[in-house]
Amino acid sequence: MAFLTDGINFTGSLGKLSAYKVRGSDKIIVRTKGGATKAQIRQSPVFERTRENNTEFAGCGYAAKNIRQVLYPVKHLADYNFTPMLVKLAKSIQLLDTTGDRGQRSIDLSRHRYLLEGFQLNRKNTFDSVLRHPVQCTIERETGTAEVQLPGLLPGLNLLLPWQYPFFRFVITFGIVADIGFNGINYRNAENQPLPVSARTEWQLVKQHSEAQRILLALTDLGLLNDDSTLLVGIGIEMGMPVTDLVIERVRYVGCGKVLVTG
C-alpha cells in the first residue's frame, strides 16, 4: 500500500493501479490490483467454499427481494436501505436448515416466519416509538384474508408523531412470500409471485382524537398460496400536507413502518 502526496492525484483505476480514499483521511491510497480471477473462482477447487457462499447468497437475495415486494406499499417510509438487513435475516433463516448440504441450504420462511415479525423500516423514529399502542391483526390462511384492528388514538398519549405536518394516515400491505429452495443446479426465484394488496385510511388531523378502525384485506389469487408460502402484513404511517381545501398530498420520505405480523 502506498500514498499519493505530490504530482498527479487521482482516484479510480489506472492500468494495474487502483487509487481511493477512506473515511477519516484526506490521503489517496494506491494499491496494485490483484486477487483471484473470475475463472479461478468458478473452477478452482481452492475456491469451492467461496462458490458455495456465493450460491447461497443468491438465494438470500431472492428471499429479500420477495419480502421487499410485499413491503412495496410502505417501503418509501424507510429512512435507510433495509434490503441488506433483509438479506442478513434471510441468511439467519438459511443457517437453520440442518438437512441441506452447504451451498444448497433452503430459506424456509414458512417454518421460521415469526422471525420476520417486528422488522422495522426505520432507525430514527420506529413505528413502535410513534404508535405506543399494539395493533391487533388476524390472518386467515384458508380465506387469504387479514383483519387489522387500529386502536383509538389520543395525540400525545399513544400517538407521538415527531414530524411537523397537519395530517397522517395508515398504510397497510398484505401479500405472499414464497420459500426459496435449491433446485439441484441453483436457486431460482418463485415465479408469478402475486403483487400485494394494500389499503390506506382516510387522512386524519394530527391533533384530533380518532376512533378505532377495522381494516380487512383479501388476496385476489389463492392459487399461489400453499404450505411453502408465508402471508405477511406490513403497516406504516404517512404524513400529509394540504394542497387545497379538498386535496391532501403525501409528504415524501416522511413516516415509519414495520412488518406487523406473519401467518
C-alpha atoms as a PDB file:
ATOM      1  CA  MET A   1       0.000   0.000   0.000  1.00  0.00           C
ATOM      2  CA  ALA A   2       1.268   3.477  -0.879  1.00  0.00           C
ATOM      3  CA  PHE A   3       0.059   7.083  -0.577  1.00  0.00           C
ATOM      4  CA  LEU A   4      -0.073   9.800  -3.242  1.00  0.00           C
ATOM      5  CA  THR A   5       1.475  13.026  -1.958  1.00  0.00           C
ATOM      6  CA  ASP A   6       2.657  15.267  -4.818  1.00  0.00           C
ATOM      7  CA  GLY A   7       2.274  15.287  -8.550  1.00  0.00           C
ATOM      8  CA  ILE A   8      -0.776  13.758 -10.242  1.00  0.00           C
ATOM      9  CA  ASN A   9      -3.592  12.965  -7.844  1.00  0.00           C
ATOM     10  CA  PHE A  10      -6.419  10.700  -8.956  1.00  0.00           C
ATOM     11  CA  THR A  11      -8.914   8.152  -7.704  1.00  0.00           C
ATOM     12  CA  GLY A  12     -10.100   5.113  -9.610  1.00  0.00           C
ATOM     13  CA  SER A  13      -8.199   2.709 -11.845  1.00  0.00           C
ATOM     14  CA  LEU A  14      -5.107   3.386 -13.923  1.00  0.00           C
ATOM     15  CA  GLY A  15      -3.634   0.295 -15.517  1.00  0.00           C
ATOM     16  CA  LYS A  16      -2.810  -2.124 -12.704  1.00  0.00           C
ATOM     17  CA  LEU A  17      -3.146   0.588 -10.070  1.00  0.00           C
ATOM     18  CA  SER A  18      -6.223   1.440  -8.029  1.00  0.00           C
ATOM     19  CA  ALA A  19      -6.420   4.724  -6.090  1.00  0.00           C
ATOM     20  CA  TYR A  20      -9.051   5.525  -3.478  1.00  0.00           C
ATOM     21  CA  LYS A  21      -9.817   7.485  -0.325  1.00  0.00           C
ATOM     22  CA  VAL A  22     -11.054   6.177   3.011  1.00  0.00           C
ATOM     23  CA  ARG A  23     -13.286   7.881   5.521  1.00  0.00           C
ATOM     24  CA  GLY A  24     -11.391   9.870   8.118  1.00  0.00           C
ATOM     25  CA  SER A  25      -8.366  10.582   5.925  1.00  0.00           C
ATOM     26  CA  ASP A  26      -7.642  13.081   3.152  1.00  0.00           C
ATOM     27  CA  LYS A  27      -4.866  10.937   1.702  1.00  0.00           C
ATOM     28  CA  ILE A  28      -5.199   8.948  -1.506  1.00  0.00           C
ATOM     29  CA  ILE A  29      -4.245   5.293  -1.089  1.00  0.00           C
ATOM     30  CA  VAL A  30      -2.749   3.419  -4.033  1.00  0.00           C
ATOM     31  CA  ARG A  31      -2.563  -0.350  -4.391  1.00  0.00           C
ATOM     32  CA  THR A  32      -1.996  -2.803  -7.197  1.00  0.00           C
ATOM     33  CA  LYS A  33      -4.897  -4.834  -8.449  1.00  0.00           C
ATOM     34  CA  GLY A  34      -4.792  -8.471  -7.524  1.00  0.00           C
ATOM     35  CA  GLY A  35      -6.776 -11.369  -6.244  1.00  0.00           C
ATOM     36  CA  ALA A  36      -8.245 -14.398  -7.942  1.00  0.00           C
ATOM     37  CA  THR A  37      -9.651 -14.227 -11.451  1.00  0.00           C
ATOM     38  CA  LYS A  38     -13.298 -14.987 -12.194  1.00  0.00           C
ATOM     39  CA  ALA A  39     -12.256 -18.191 -13.926  1.00  0.00           C
ATOM     40  CA  GLN A  40     -10.325 -19.334 -10.858  1.00  0.00           C
ATOM     41  CA  ILE A  41     -13.288 -18.659  -8.581  1.00  0.00           C
ATOM     42  CA  ARG A  42     -15.623 -20.587 -10.920  1.00  0.00           C
ATOM     43  CA  GLN A  43     -13.369 -23.617 -11.431  1.00  0.00           C
ATOM     44  CA  SER A  44     -10.547 -23.989  -8.905  1.00  0.00           C
ATOM     45  CA  PRO A  45     -11.068 -26.480  -6.039  1.00  0.00           C
ATOM     46  CA  VAL A  46      -9.425 -23.908  -3.763  1.00  0.00           C
ATOM     47  CA  PHE A  47     -12.491 -21.667  -4.105  1.00  0.00           C
ATOM     48  CA  GLU A  48     -15.133 -24.344  -3.550  1.00  0.00           C
ATOM     49  CA  ARG A  49     -16.221 -22.745  -0.265  1.00  0.00           C
ATOM     50  CA  THR A  50     -16.400 -19.342  -1.983  1.00  0.00           C
ATOM     51  CA  ARG A  51     -18.659 -20.795  -4.678  1.00  0.00           C
ATOM     52  CA  GLU A  52     -20.916 -22.319  -2.033  1.00  0.00           C
ATOM     53  CA  ASN A  53     -21.167 -18.996  -0.185  1.00  0.00           C
ATOM     54  CA  ASN A  54     -21.889 -17.091  -3.394  1.00  0.00           C
ATOM     55  CA  THR A  55     -24.611 -19.554  -4.381  1.00  0.00           C
ATOM     56  CA  GLU A  56     -26.327 -19.360  -1.007  1.00  0.00           C
ATOM     57  CA  PHE A  57     -26.051 -15.581  -1.013  1.00  0.00           C
ATOM     58  CA  ALA A  58     -28.017 -15.538  -4.281  1.00  0.00           C
ATOM     59  CA  GLY A  59     -30.813 -17.466  -2.580  1.00  0.00           C
ATOM     60  CA  CYS A  60     -30.865 -14.975   0.291  1.00  0.00           C
ATOM     61  CA  GLY A  61     -31.085 -12.177  -2.259  1.00  0.00           C
ATOM     62  CA  TYR A  62     -34.188 -13.758  -3.797  1.00  0.00           C
ATOM     63  CA  ALA A  63     -35.805 -14.096  -0.368  1.00  0.00           C
ATOM     64  CA  ALA A  64     -35.094 -10.440   0.459  1.00  0.00           C
ATOM     65  CA  LYS A  65     -36.495  -9.372  -2.908  1.00  0.00           C
ATOM     66  CA  ASN A  66     -39.749 -11.249  -2.281  1.00  0.00           C
ATOM     67  CA  ILE A  67     -40.183  -9.743   1.182  1.00  0.00           C
ATOM     68  CA  ARG A  68     -39.406  -6.300  -0.199  1.00  0.00           C
ATOM     69  CA  GLN A  69     -42.075  -6.772  -2.881  1.00  0.00           C
ATOM     70  CA  VAL A  70     -44.769  -7.296  -0.246  1.00  0.00           C
ATOM     71  CA  LEU A  71     -43.472  -4.250   1.629  1.00  0.00           C
ATOM     72  CA  TYR A  72     -43.511  -2.101  -1.515  1.00  0.00           C
ATOM     73  CA  PRO A  73     -46.567  -0.004  -0.462  1.00  0.00           C
ATOM     74  CA  VAL A  74     -44.707   1.078   2.711  1.00  0.00           C
ATOM     75  CA  LYS A  75     -41.045   0.922   1.672  1.00  0.00           C
ATOM     76  CA  HIS A  76     -40.984   4.659   0.844  1.00  0.00           C
ATOM     77  CA  LEU A  77     -41.348   5.279   4.582  1.00  0.00           C
ATOM     78  CA  ALA A  78     -37.968   3.712   5.388  1.00  0.00           C
ATOM     79  CA  ASP A  79     -35.153   6.020   6.487  1.00  0.00           C
ATOM     80  CA  TYR A  80     -32.354   3.621   5.485  1.00  0.00           C
ATOM     81  CA  ASN A  81     -31.644   0.943   2.902  1.00  0.00           C
ATOM     82  CA  PHE A  82     -33.182  -2.035   4.672  1.00  0.00           C
ATOM     83  CA  THR A  83     -32.545  -4.572   1.897  1.00  0.00           C
ATOM     84  CA  PRO A  84     -29.135  -5.676   3.291  1.00  0.00           C
ATOM     85  CA  MET A  85     -30.827  -6.300   6.636  1.00  0.00           C
ATOM     86  CA  LEU A  86     -33.429  -8.489   4.911  1.00  0.00           C
ATOM     87  CA  VAL A  87     -30.610 -10.419   3.238  1.00  0.00           C
ATOM     88  CA  LYS A  88     -28.935 -10.853   6.628  1.00  0.00           C
ATOM     89  CA  LEU A  89     -32.215 -12.044   8.132  1.00  0.00           C
ATOM     90  CA  ALA A  90     -32.688 -14.498   5.261  1.00  0.00           C
ATOM     91  CA  LYS A  91     -29.169 -15.816   5.875  1.00  0.00           C
ATOM     92  CA  SER A  92     -30.015 -16.405   9.535  1.00  0.00           C
ATOM     93  CA  ILE A  93     -33.022 -18.459   8.441  1.00  0.00           C
ATOM     94  CA  GLN A  94     -30.928 -20.320   5.865  1.00  0.00           C
ATOM     95  CA  LEU A  95     -28.486 -21.372   8.585  1.00  0.00           C
ATOM     96  CA  LEU A  96     -31.387 -23.066  10.389  1.00  0.00           C
ATOM     97  CA  ASP A  97     -31.555 -25.620   7.561  1.00  0.00           C
ATOM     98  CA  THR A  98     -29.622 -28.535   9.084  1.00  0.00           C
ATOM     99  CA  THR A  99     -30.502 -31.089   6.386  1.00  0.00           C
ATOM    100  CA  GLY A 100     -29.347 -29.380   3.191  1.00  0.00           C
ATOM    101  CA  ASP A 101     -25.748 -29.548   2.013  1.00  0.00           C
ATOM    102  CA  ARG A 102     -23.646 -26.416   2.219  1.00  0.00           C
ATOM    103  CA  GLY A 103     -24.243 -24.359  -0.895  1.00  0.00           C
ATOM    104  CA  GLN A 104     -27.766 -25.806  -1.216  1.00  0.00           C
ATOM    105  CA  ARG A 105     -29.490 -24.866   2.038  1.00  0.00           C
ATOM    106  CA  SER A 106     -33.041 -23.572   1.743  1.00  0.00           C
ATOM    107  CA  ILE A 107     -34.555 -20.353   3.055  1.00  0.00           C
ATOM    108  CA  ASP A 108     -37.673 -21.832   4.658  1.00  0.00           C
ATOM    109  CA  LEU A 109     -39.514 -18.680   5.639  1.00  0.00           C
ATOM    110  CA  SER A 110     -42.691 -20.697   6.155  1.00  0.00           C
ATOM    111  CA  ARG A 111     -41.053 -22.620   9.030  1.00  0.00           C
ATOM    112  CA  HIS A 112     -39.481 -19.563  10.661  1.00  0.00           C
ATOM    113  CA  ARG A 113     -41.851 -16.795   9.604  1.00  0.00           C
ATOM    114  CA  TYR A 114     -42.081 -15.484  13.158  1.00  0.00           C
ATOM    115  CA  LEU A 115     -38.528 -14.125  12.767  1.00  0.00           C
ATOM    116  CA  LEU A 116     -39.863 -11.525  10.318  1.00  0.00           C
ATOM    117  CA  GLU A 117     -42.375 -10.028  12.736  1.00  0.00           C
ATOM    118  CA  GLY A 118     -41.420  -6.619  14.075  1.00  0.00           C
ATOM    119  CA  PHE A 119     -38.863  -5.910  11.331  1.00  0.00           C
ATOM    120  CA  GLN A 120     -38.521  -2.107  11.415  1.00  0.00           C
ATOM    121  CA  LEU A 121     -38.141   0.096   8.350  1.00  0.00           C
ATOM    122  CA  ASN A 122     -36.738   2.954  10.416  1.00  0.00           C
ATOM    123  CA  ARG A 123     -33.809   3.590  12.699  1.00  0.00           C
ATOM    124  CA  LYS A 124     -34.523   7.115  13.929  1.00  0.00           C
ATOM    125  CA  ASN A 125     -38.282   7.078  14.518  1.00  0.00           C
ATOM    126  CA  THR A 126     -39.515   3.500  14.646  1.00  0.00           C
ATOM    127  CA  PHE A 127     -43.168   2.601  14.237  1.00  0.00           C
ATOM    128  CA  ASP A 128     -43.401   1.360  17.826  1.00  0.00           C
ATOM    129  CA  SER A 129     -41.991   4.629  19.169  1.00  0.00           C
ATOM    130  CA  VAL A 130     -44.584   6.635  17.208  1.00  0.00           C
ATOM    131  CA  LEU A 131     -47.634   4.469  17.917  1.00  0.00           C
ATOM    132  CA  ARG A 132     -47.483   3.498  21.602  1.00  0.00           C
ATOM    133  CA  HIS A 133     -50.352   1.029  21.333  1.00  0.00           C
ATOM    134  CA  PRO A 134     -50.314  -2.507  19.920  1.00  0.00           C
ATOM    135  CA  VAL A 135     -52.047  -3.014  16.575  1.00  0.00           C
ATOM    136  CA  GLN A 136     -54.017  -6.251  16.505  1.00  0.00           C
ATOM    137  CA  CYS A 137     -54.002  -8.355  13.352  1.00  0.00           C
ATOM    138  CA  THR A 138     -55.556 -11.718  12.495  1.00  0.00           C
ATOM    139  CA  ILE A 139     -54.616 -13.716   9.392  1.00  0.00           C
ATOM    140  CA  GLU A 140     -56.867 -16.435   7.959  1.00  0.00           C
ATOM    141  CA  ARG A 141     -54.903 -18.623   5.551  1.00  0.00           C
ATOM    142  CA  GLU A 142     -57.991 -20.561   4.455  1.00  0.00           C
ATOM    143  CA  THR A 143     -59.651 -17.436   3.078  1.00  0.00           C
ATOM    144  CA  GLY A 144     -56.490 -15.447   2.316  1.00  0.00           C
ATOM    145  CA  THR A 145     -57.617 -12.512   4.441  1.00  0.00           C
ATOM    146  CA  ALA A 146     -56.085 -10.274   7.070  1.00  0.00           C
ATOM    147  CA  GLU A 147     -58.025  -8.171   9.567  1.00  0.00           C
ATOM    148  CA  VAL A 148     -56.215  -5.247  11.168  1.00  0.00           C
ATOM    149  CA  GLN A 149     -57.625  -3.513  14.227  1.00  0.00           C
ATOM    150  CA  LEU A 150     -56.302   0.030  14.556  1.00  0.00           C
ATOM    151  CA  PRO A 151     -56.673   1.413  18.086  1.00  0.00           C
ATOM    152  CA  GLY A 152     -58.352   4.638  19.077  1.00  0.00           C
ATOM    153  CA  LEU A 153     -55.723   7.356  19.014  1.00  0.00           C
ATOM    154  CA  LEU A 154     -55.042  10.118  21.515  1.00  0.00           C
ATOM    155  CA  PRO A 155     -52.330  12.519  20.262  1.00  0.00           C
ATOM    156  CA  GLY A 156     -49.613  12.943  22.841  1.00  0.00           C
ATOM    157  CA  LEU A 157     -50.680   9.825  24.720  1.00  0.00           C
ATOM    158  CA  ASN A 158     -50.496   6.771  22.463  1.00  0.00           C
ATOM    159  CA  LEU A 159     -49.659   8.631  19.248  1.00  0.00           C
ATOM    160  CA  LEU A 160     -46.410  10.626  19.283  1.00  0.00           C
ATOM    161  CA  LEU A 161     -45.764  11.980  15.792  1.00  0.00           C
ATOM    162  CA  PRO A 162     -42.337  13.673  15.632  1.00  0.00           C
ATOM    163  CA  TRP A 163     -42.983  15.305  12.236  1.00  0.00           C
ATOM    164  CA  GLN A 164     -44.488  18.772  11.932  1.00  0.00           C
ATOM    165  CA  TYR A 165     -47.267  18.124   9.417  1.00  0.00           C
ATOM    166  CA  PRO A 166     -51.014  18.507   9.985  1.00  0.00           C
ATOM    167  CA  PHE A 167     -52.324  15.182   8.638  1.00  0.00           C
ATOM    168  CA  PHE A 168     -51.471  11.495   8.889  1.00  0.00           C
ATOM    169  CA  ARG A 169     -52.881   8.176   7.732  1.00  0.00           C
ATOM    170  CA  PHE A 170     -52.129   4.459   7.958  1.00  0.00           C
ATOM    171  CA  VAL A 171     -50.945   2.293   5.089  1.00  0.00           C
ATOM    172  CA  ILE A 172     -51.357  -1.485   5.258  1.00  0.00           C
ATOM    173  CA  THR A 173     -49.966  -4.076   2.857  1.00  0.00           C
ATOM    174  CA  PHE A 174     -50.713  -7.801   2.644  1.00  0.00           C
ATOM    175  CA  GLY A 175     -49.088 -10.408   0.435  1.00  0.00           C
ATOM    176  CA  ILE A 176     -47.458 -13.793  -0.112  1.00  0.00           C
ATOM    177  CA  VAL A 177     -43.752 -14.565   0.326  1.00  0.00           C
ATOM    178  CA  ALA A 178     -42.557 -17.903  -1.078  1.00  0.00           C
ATOM    179  CA  ASP A 179     -39.811 -20.115   0.332  1.00  0.00           C
ATOM    180  CA  ILE A 180     -36.560 -20.238  -1.630  1.00  0.00           C
ATOM    181  CA  GLY A 181     -35.047 -23.659  -2.322  1.00  0.00           C
ATOM    182  CA  PHE A 182     -32.210 -25.175  -4.341  1.00  0.00           C
ATOM    183  CA  ASN A 183     -33.360 -26.963  -7.487  1.00  0.00           C
ATOM    184  CA  GLY A 184     -30.258 -29.110  -7.964  1.00  0.00           C
ATOM    185  CA  ILE A 185     -28.453 -26.542 -10.105  1.00  0.00           C
ATOM    186  CA  ASN A 186     -29.034 -23.182  -8.478  1.00  0.00           C
ATOM    187  CA  TYR A 187     -31.528 -21.137  -6.518  1.00  0.00           C
ATOM    188  CA  ARG A 188     -34.493 -19.984  -8.532  1.00  0.00           C
ATOM    189  CA  ASN A 189     -36.866 -17.257  -7.505  1.00  0.00           C
ATOM    190  CA  ALA A 190     -40.563 -18.038  -7.212  1.00  0.00           C
ATOM    191  CA  GLU A 191     -42.330 -17.364 -10.467  1.00  0.00           C
ATOM    192  CA  ASN A 192     -45.503 -15.317 -10.629  1.00  0.00           C
ATOM    193  CA  GLN A 193     -45.378 -14.142  -7.035  1.00  0.00           C
ATOM    194  CA  PRO A 194     -48.555 -12.043  -6.817  1.00  0.00           C
ATOM    195  CA  LEU A 195     -48.428  -8.358  -6.067  1.00  0.00           C
ATOM    196  CA  PRO A 196     -49.576  -7.412  -2.578  1.00  0.00           C
ATOM    197  CA  VAL A 197     -52.921  -5.843  -1.813  1.00  0.00           C
ATOM    198  CA  SER A 198     -52.921  -2.624   0.189  1.00  0.00           C
ATOM    199  CA  ALA A 199     -55.228  -0.149   1.876  1.00  0.00           C
ATOM    200  CA  ARG A 200     -54.984   3.382   3.216  1.00  0.00           C
ATOM    201  CA  THR A 201     -57.133   5.018   5.848  1.00  0.00           C
ATOM    202  CA  GLU A 202     -58.605   8.465   5.389  1.00  0.00           C
ATOM    203  CA  TRP A 203     -56.376  11.421   6.273  1.00  0.00           C
ATOM    204  CA  GLN A 204     -56.741  12.410   9.906  1.00  0.00           C
ATOM    205  CA  LEU A 205     -55.779  15.586  11.732  1.00  0.00           C
ATOM    206  CA  VAL A 206     -52.686  15.103  13.868  1.00  0.00           C
ATOM    207  CA  LYS A 207     -54.137  16.922  16.876  1.00  0.00           C
ATOM    208  CA  GLN A 208     -57.562  15.293  16.748  1.00  0.00           C
ATOM    209  CA  HIS A 209     -58.700  12.175  18.596  1.00  0.00           C
ATOM    210  CA  SER A 210     -59.642   9.319  16.258  1.00  0.00           C
ATOM    211  CA  GLU A 211     -61.807   6.257  16.800  1.00  0.00           C
ATOM    212  CA  ALA A 212     -60.661   2.664  16.423  1.00  0.00           C
ATOM    213  CA  GLN A 213     -60.829   1.281  12.897  1.00  0.00           C
ATOM    214  CA  ARG A 214     -61.106  -2.160  11.343  1.00  0.00           C
ATOM    215  CA  ILE A 215     -59.338  -2.808   8.031  1.00  0.00           C
ATOM    216  CA  LEU A 216     -59.936  -6.007   6.039  1.00  0.00           C
ATOM    217  CA  LEU A 217     -57.650  -7.059   3.201  1.00  0.00           C
ATOM    218  CA  ALA A 218     -58.184 -10.072   0.923  1.00  0.00           C
ATOM    219  CA  LEU A 219     -55.854 -11.702  -1.576  1.00  0.00           C
ATOM    220  CA  THR A 220     -57.121 -11.864  -5.137  1.00  0.00           C
ATOM    221  CA  ASP A 221     -55.420 -15.162  -6.091  1.00  0.00           C
ATOM    222  CA  LEU A 222     -55.345 -18.013  -3.592  1.00  0.00           C
ATOM    223  CA  GLY A 223     -53.990 -20.450  -6.181  1.00  0.00           C
ATOM    224  CA  LEU A 224     -50.420 -19.440  -5.319  1.00  0.00           C
ATOM    225  CA  LEU A 225     -50.911 -19.914  -1.578  1.00  0.00           C
ATOM    226  CA  ASN A 226     -49.528 -23.244  -0.318  1.00  0.00           C
ATOM    227  CA  ASP A 227     -47.639 -24.755   2.609  1.00  0.00           C
ATOM    228  CA  ASP A 228     -44.383 -23.184   1.381  1.00  0.00           C
ATOM    229  CA  SER A 229     -45.869 -19.690   1.449  1.00  0.00           C
ATOM    230  CA  THR A 230     -45.826 -17.059   4.162  1.00  0.00           C
ATOM    231  CA  LEU A 231     -48.530 -14.429   4.495  1.00  0.00           C
ATOM    232  CA  LEU A 232     -47.091 -11.091   5.589  1.00  0.00           C
ATOM    233  CA  VAL A 233     -48.767  -7.895   6.774  1.00  0.00           C
ATOM    234  CA  GLY A 234     -46.851  -4.633   6.806  1.00  0.00           C
ATOM    235  CA  ILE A 235     -48.031  -1.335   8.259  1.00  0.00           C
ATOM    236  CA  GLY A 236     -46.894   2.264   8.047  1.00  0.00           C
ATOM    237  CA  ILE A 237     -47.799   5.844   8.900  1.00  0.00           C
ATOM    238  CA  GLU A 238     -47.691   8.547   6.209  1.00  0.00           C
ATOM    239  CA  MET A 239     -47.779  12.300   6.768  1.00  0.00           C
ATOM    240  CA  GLY A 240     -49.760  14.745   4.627  1.00  0.00           C
ATOM    241  CA  MET A 241     -49.872  18.422   3.685  1.00  0.00           C
ATOM    242  CA  PRO A 242     -52.979  20.179   2.301  1.00  0.00           C
ATOM    243  CA  VAL A 243     -52.751  21.409  -1.291  1.00  0.00           C
ATOM    244  CA  THR A 244     -56.301  22.777  -1.435  1.00  0.00           C
ATOM    245  CA  ASP A 245     -59.303  22.577   0.859  1.00  0.00           C
ATOM    246  CA  LEU A 246     -60.093  19.150  -0.568  1.00  0.00           C
ATOM    247  CA  VAL A 247     -56.725  17.767  -1.624  1.00  0.00           C
ATOM    248  CA  ILE A 248     -54.036  16.448   0.731  1.00  0.00           C
ATOM    249  CA  GLU A 249     -50.682  15.389  -0.658  1.00  0.00           C
ATOM    250  CA  ARG A 250     -48.438  12.752   0.876  1.00  0.00           C
ATOM    251  CA  VAL A 251     -45.125  14.088   2.174  1.00  0.00           C
ATOM    252  CA  ARG A 252     -42.410  12.062   0.503  1.00  0.00           C
ATOM    253  CA  TYR A 253     -39.956  10.051   2.611  1.00  0.00           C
ATOM    254  CA  VAL A 254     -41.597  11.019   5.899  1.00  0.00           C
ATOM    255  CA  GLY A 255     -43.154   8.418   8.181  1.00  0.00           C
ATOM    256  CA  CYS A 256     -42.433   4.984   9.574  1.00  0.00           C
ATOM    257  CA  GLY A 257     -43.317   1.357   9.031  1.00  0.00           C
ATOM    258  CA  LYS A 258     -42.672  -2.242  10.016  1.00  0.00           C
ATOM    259  CA  VAL A 259     -43.636  -5.856   9.438  1.00  0.00           C
ATOM    260  CA  LEU A 260     -46.715  -6.231  11.612  1.00  0.00           C
ATOM    261  CA  VAL A 261     -47.404  -9.970  11.586  1.00  0.00           C
ATOM    262  CA  THR A 262     -46.945 -13.143   9.529  1.00  0.00           C
ATOM    263  CA  GLY A 263     -49.106 -16.220   9.205  1.00  0.00           C
END
